[in-house]
Amino acid sequence: MSTVGIGDILGRISAGFLSSYKCIDSVLAYAVAMILCGIAIAFHICATWGPMFPLLTGLFGFFYGQQNVFITIVPAVLFGRENLVSVFGYILFFAGLGALVGTPLAGYIVDRTGSYMGVVSLSFSCCVIGGLCTIVCCIIHRRKQKISQRTISV
């Protein structure tokens, strides 16, 4: 079994364990996992020592596995259970679009530059920007909850 697969399994188990606690904000945990996944990707640029690669791929698998668990929870938290089917449909559509465009785009970047540095940088950037956008969504969601709690109590 590869280190990505082992990391993925451990990440899924830990995310399932973490998501069962009410004190853990699933949206924030998803954002942190996405950012840490991007950081694990970025460190591949610096990897020169052989054992660093399995460590980095294991970390990538761990945080990616956590994302796979939280991606099923976060839409229900942010958009409500009644909108889950529609929101998840959009998520899967755009994920498929990314998979369709991502590989040829990565190949084009490598062909034009002769290096994987651009592809790694793009992957890192997408993960970090996605995580930061999710944090913004988390902040907006919390503010809306506070406003709705104030109006209910009045």
C-alpha atoms as a PDB file:
ATOM      1  CA  MET A   1       0.000   0.000   0.000  1.00  0.00           C
ATOM      2  CA  SER A   2       1.325   3.453  -0.837  1.00  0.00           C
ATOM      3  CA  THR A   3       2.024   6.206   1.668  1.00  0.00           C
ATOM      4  CA  VAL A   4      -0.726   8.314   0.091  1.00  0.00           C
ATOM      5  CA  GLY A   5      -3.209   5.485   0.680  1.00  0.00           C
ATOM      6  CA  ILE A   6      -2.105   4.925   4.268  1.00  0.00           C
ATOM      7  CA  GLY A   7      -2.261   8.663   4.946  1.00  0.00           C
ATOM      8  CA  ASP A   8      -5.687   8.853   3.308  1.00  0.00           C
ATOM      9  CA  ILE A   9      -7.096   6.074   5.493  1.00  0.00           C
ATOM     10  CA  LEU A  10      -5.650   7.616   8.653  1.00  0.00           C
ATOM     11  CA  GLY A  11      -6.965  11.040   7.629  1.00  0.00           C
ATOM     12  CA  ARG A  12     -10.465   9.714   7.028  1.00  0.00           C
ATOM     13  CA  ILE A  13     -10.515   7.917  10.375  1.00  0.00           C
ATOM     14  CA  SER A  14      -9.234  10.964  12.261  1.00  0.00           C
ATOM     15  CA  ALA A  15     -11.692  13.300  10.511  1.00  0.00           C
ATOM     16  CA  GLY A  16     -14.568  10.962  11.310  1.00  0.00           C
ATOM     17  CA  PHE A  17     -13.450  10.907  14.916  1.00  0.00           C
ATOM     18  CA  LEU A  18     -13.054  14.707  15.060  1.00  0.00           C
ATOM     19  CA  SER A  19     -16.374  15.418  13.364  1.00  0.00           C
ATOM     20  CA  SER A  20     -18.231  13.500  16.071  1.00  0.00           C
ATOM     21  CA  TYR A  21     -17.367  16.169  18.648  1.00  0.00           C
ATOM     22  CA  LYS A  22     -19.667  19.172  18.886  1.00  0.00           C
ATOM     23  CA  CYS A  23     -16.780  21.470  19.875  1.00  0.00           C
ATOM     24  CA  ILE A  24     -15.074  20.876  16.498  1.00  0.00           C
ATOM     25  CA  ASP A  25     -16.270  23.228  13.767  1.00  0.00           C
ATOM     26  CA  SER A  26     -16.416  21.038  10.650  1.00  0.00           C
ATOM     27  CA  VAL A  27     -16.196  24.003   8.272  1.00  0.00           C
ATOM     28  CA  LEU A  28     -13.074  25.345   9.933  1.00  0.00           C
ATOM     29  CA  ALA A  29     -11.557  21.850  10.150  1.00  0.00           C
ATOM     30  CA  TYR A  30     -12.181  21.401   6.410  1.00  0.00           C
ATOM     31  CA  ALA A  31     -10.484  24.728   5.656  1.00  0.00           C
ATOM     32  CA  VAL A  32      -7.482  23.873   7.820  1.00  0.00           C
ATOM     33  CA  ALA A  33      -7.171  20.437   6.180  1.00  0.00           C
ATOM     34  CA  MET A  34      -7.273  22.084   2.744  1.00  0.00           C
ATOM     35  CA  ILE A  35      -4.579  24.612   3.653  1.00  0.00           C
ATOM     36  CA  LEU A  36      -2.360  21.946   5.241  1.00  0.00           C
ATOM     37  CA  CYS A  37      -2.822  19.779   2.140  1.00  0.00           C
ATOM     38  CA  GLY A  38      -1.570  22.709   0.059  1.00  0.00           C
ATOM     39  CA  ILE A  39       1.409  23.181   2.348  1.00  0.00           C
ATOM     40  CA  ALA A  40       2.270  19.481   2.026  1.00  0.00           C
ATOM     41  CA  ILE A  41       2.182  19.935  -1.753  1.00  0.00           C
ATOM     42  CA  ALA A  42       4.375  23.047  -1.568  1.00  0.00           C
ATOM     43  CA  PHE A  43       7.066  21.280   0.460  1.00  0.00           C
ATOM     44  CA  HIS A  44       7.604  18.892  -2.455  1.00  0.00           C
ATOM     45  CA  ILE A  45       9.550  21.732  -4.068  1.00  0.00           C
ATOM     46  CA  CYS A  46      12.081  21.639  -1.221  1.00  0.00           C
ATOM     47  CA  ALA A  47      12.295  17.851  -0.970  1.00  0.00           C
ATOM     48  CA  THR A  48      15.806  16.719  -1.806  1.00  0.00           C
ATOM     49  CA  TRP A  49      16.285  13.941   0.734  1.00  0.00           C
ATOM     50  CA  GLY A  50      14.792  10.583  -0.270  1.00  0.00           C
ATOM     51  CA  PRO A  51      12.785   9.846   2.913  1.00  0.00           C
ATOM     52  CA  MET A  52      11.105  13.253   2.686  1.00  0.00           C
ATOM     53  CA  PHE A  53       8.986  12.126  -0.262  1.00  0.00           C
ATOM     54  CA  PRO A  54       7.115   9.329   1.549  1.00  0.00           C
ATOM     55  CA  LEU A  55       6.638  11.641   4.527  1.00  0.00           C
ATOM     56  CA  LEU A  56       5.231  14.436   2.349  1.00  0.00           C
ATOM     57  CA  THR A  57       3.015  12.103   0.321  1.00  0.00           C
ATOM     58  CA  GLY A  58       1.749  10.561   3.561  1.00  0.00           C
ATOM     59  CA  LEU A  59       0.899  14.033   4.908  1.00  0.00           C
ATOM     60  CA  PHE A  60      -0.781  14.909   1.619  1.00  0.00           C
ATOM     61  CA  GLY A  61      -2.849  11.712   1.807  1.00  0.00           C
ATOM     62  CA  PHE A  62      -3.744  12.386   5.452  1.00  0.00           C
ATOM     63  CA  PHE A  63      -5.068  15.894   4.837  1.00  0.00           C
ATOM     64  CA  TYR A  64      -6.724  14.904   1.557  1.00  0.00           C
ATOM     65  CA  GLY A  65      -8.483  12.054   3.366  1.00  0.00           C
ATOM     66  CA  GLN A  66      -9.757  14.518   5.945  1.00  0.00           C
ATOM     67  CA  GLN A  67     -11.099  16.728   3.170  1.00  0.00           C
ATOM     68  CA  ASN A  68     -13.017  13.783   1.721  1.00  0.00           C
ATOM     69  CA  VAL A  69     -14.820  13.309   5.026  1.00  0.00           C
ATOM     70  CA  PHE A  70     -15.514  16.970   5.708  1.00  0.00           C
ATOM     71  CA  ILE A  71     -16.754  17.657   2.150  1.00  0.00           C
ATOM     72  CA  THR A  72     -19.838  15.610   2.961  1.00  0.00           C
ATOM     73  CA  ILE A  73     -20.497  17.493   6.215  1.00  0.00           C
ATOM     74  CA  VAL A  74     -19.700  21.111   5.314  1.00  0.00           C
ATOM     75  CA  PRO A  75     -22.443  21.691   2.691  1.00  0.00           C
ATOM     76  CA  ALA A  76     -25.104  20.562   5.158  1.00  0.00           C
ATOM     77  CA  VAL A  77     -23.711  22.914   7.805  1.00  0.00           C
ATOM     78  CA  LEU A  78     -23.423  25.940   5.513  1.00  0.00           C
ATOM     79  CA  PHE A  79     -26.487  25.536   3.306  1.00  0.00           C
ATOM     80  CA  GLY A  80     -28.836  23.355   5.355  1.00  0.00           C
ATOM     81  CA  ARG A  81     -29.963  19.790   4.867  1.00  0.00           C
ATOM     82  CA  GLU A  82     -32.834  20.844   2.621  1.00  0.00           C
ATOM     83  CA  ASN A  83     -30.344  22.207   0.029  1.00  0.00           C
ATOM     84  CA  LEU A  84     -27.784  19.432   0.384  1.00  0.00           C
ATOM     85  CA  VAL A  85     -28.686  17.603  -2.827  1.00  0.00           C
ATOM     86  CA  SER A  86     -28.360  20.715  -5.002  1.00  0.00           C
ATOM     87  CA  VAL A  87     -25.201  21.986  -3.334  1.00  0.00           C
ATOM     88  CA  PHE A  88     -23.504  18.594  -3.483  1.00  0.00           C
ATOM     89  CA  GLY A  89     -24.444  18.359  -7.155  1.00  0.00           C
ATOM     90  CA  TYR A  90     -22.678  21.655  -7.824  1.00  0.00           C
ATOM     91  CA  ILE A  91     -19.646  20.513  -5.825  1.00  0.00           C
ATOM     92  CA  LEU A  92     -19.369  17.274  -7.810  1.00  0.00           C
ATOM     93  CA  PHE A  93     -19.883  19.112 -11.109  1.00  0.00           C
ATOM     94  CA  PHE A  94     -17.070  21.574 -10.435  1.00  0.00           C
ATOM     95  CA  ALA A  95     -14.820  18.808  -9.060  1.00  0.00           C
ATOM     96  CA  GLY A  96     -15.382  16.881 -12.290  1.00  0.00           C
ATOM     97  CA  LEU A  97     -14.679  20.007 -14.317  1.00  0.00           C
ATOM     98  CA  GLY A  98     -11.426  20.460 -12.395  1.00  0.00           C
ATOM     99  CA  ALA A  99     -10.471  16.844 -13.049  1.00  0.00           C
ATOM    100  CA  LEU A 100     -11.276  17.270 -16.741  1.00  0.00           C
ATOM    101  CA  VAL A 101      -9.257  20.465 -17.155  1.00  0.00           C
ATOM    102  CA  GLY A 102      -6.563  19.893 -14.507  1.00  0.00           C
ATOM    103  CA  THR A 103      -4.547  17.127 -16.125  1.00  0.00           C
ATOM    104  CA  PRO A 104      -4.238  18.722 -19.583  1.00  0.00           C
ATOM    105  CA  LEU A 105      -3.476  22.082 -17.956  1.00  0.00           C
ATOM    106  CA  ALA A 106      -0.741  20.513 -15.821  1.00  0.00           C
ATOM    107  CA  GLY A 107       0.716  18.836 -18.905  1.00  0.00           C
ATOM    108  CA  TYR A 108       0.643  22.116 -20.798  1.00  0.00           C
ATOM    109  CA  ILE A 109       2.442  23.918 -17.957  1.00  0.00           C
ATOM    110  CA  VAL A 110       5.143  21.226 -17.792  1.00  0.00           C
ATOM    111  CA  ASP A 111       5.549  21.254 -21.591  1.00  0.00           C
ATOM    112  CA  ARG A 112       5.892  25.055 -21.693  1.00  0.00           C
ATOM    113  CA  THR A 113       8.224  25.421 -18.710  1.00  0.00           C
ATOM    114  CA  GLY A 114      10.068  22.092 -18.694  1.00  0.00           C
ATOM    115  CA  SER A 115       9.560  21.927 -14.929  1.00  0.00           C
ATOM    116  CA  TYR A 116       6.977  20.743 -12.437  1.00  0.00           C
ATOM    117  CA  MET A 117       7.461  23.891 -10.347  1.00  0.00           C
ATOM    118  CA  GLY A 118       4.518  25.655 -12.021  1.00  0.00           C
ATOM    119  CA  VAL A 119       2.182  22.711 -11.481  1.00  0.00           C
ATOM    120  CA  VAL A 120       3.168  22.374  -7.824  1.00  0.00           C
ATOM    121  CA  SER A 121       2.748  26.128  -7.349  1.00  0.00           C
ATOM    122  CA  LEU A 122      -0.680  26.065  -8.994  1.00  0.00           C
ATOM    123  CA  SER A 123      -1.804  23.113  -6.856  1.00  0.00           C
ATOM    124  CA  PHE A 124      -0.526  24.784  -3.698  1.00  0.00           C
ATOM    125  CA  SER A 125      -2.230  28.056  -4.617  1.00  0.00           C
ATOM    126  CA  CYS A 126      -5.575  26.395  -5.357  1.00  0.00           C
ATOM    127  CA  CYS A 127      -5.570  24.517  -2.038  1.00  0.00           C
ATOM    128  CA  VAL A 128      -4.633  27.559   0.023  1.00  0.00           C
ATOM    129  CA  ILE A 129      -7.036  29.917  -1.770  1.00  0.00           C
ATOM    130  CA  GLY A 130      -9.816  27.331  -1.416  1.00  0.00           C
ATOM    131  CA  GLY A 131      -9.064  26.988   2.294  1.00  0.00           C
ATOM    132  CA  LEU A 132      -9.052  30.747   2.808  1.00  0.00           C
ATOM    133  CA  CYS A 133     -12.361  31.098   0.933  1.00  0.00           C
ATOM    134  CA  THR A 134     -13.810  28.398   3.168  1.00  0.00           C
ATOM    135  CA  ILE A 135     -12.652  30.320   6.241  1.00  0.00           C
ATOM    136  CA  VAL A 136     -14.451  33.399   4.895  1.00  0.00           C
ATOM    137  CA  CYS A 137     -17.595  31.260   4.440  1.00  0.00           C
ATOM    138  CA  CYS A 138     -17.185  30.035   8.021  1.00  0.00           C
ATOM    139  CA  ILE A 139     -16.982  33.620   9.333  1.00  0.00           C
ATOM    140  CA  ILE A 140     -20.052  34.675   7.335  1.00  0.00           C
ATOM    141  CA  HIS A 141     -21.968  31.614   8.543  1.00  0.00           C
ATOM    142  CA  ARG A 142     -21.109  32.360  12.183  1.00  0.00           C
ATOM    143  CA  ARG A 143     -22.213  35.987  11.826  1.00  0.00           C
ATOM    144  CA  LYS A 144     -25.513  34.925  10.278  1.00  0.00           C
ATOM    145  CA  GLN A 145     -26.064  32.466  13.137  1.00  0.00           C
ATOM    146  CA  LYS A 146     -25.410  35.182  15.725  1.00  0.00           C
ATOM    147  CA  ILE A 147     -27.821  37.560  13.985  1.00  0.00           C
ATOM    148  CA  SER A 148     -30.529  34.908  13.762  1.00  0.00           C
ATOM    149  CA  GLN A 149     -30.067  33.996  17.437  1.00  0.00           C
ATOM    150  CA  ARG A 150     -30.452  37.650  18.394  1.00  0.00           C
ATOM    151  CA  THR A 151     -33.669  38.033  16.411  1.00  0.00           C
ATOM    152  CA  ILE A 152     -35.108  34.825  17.876  1.00  0.00           C
ATOM    153  CA  SER A 153     -34.353  35.892  21.450  1.00  0.00           C
ATOM    154  CA  VAL A 154     -35.929  39.345  20.958  1.00  0.00           C
END
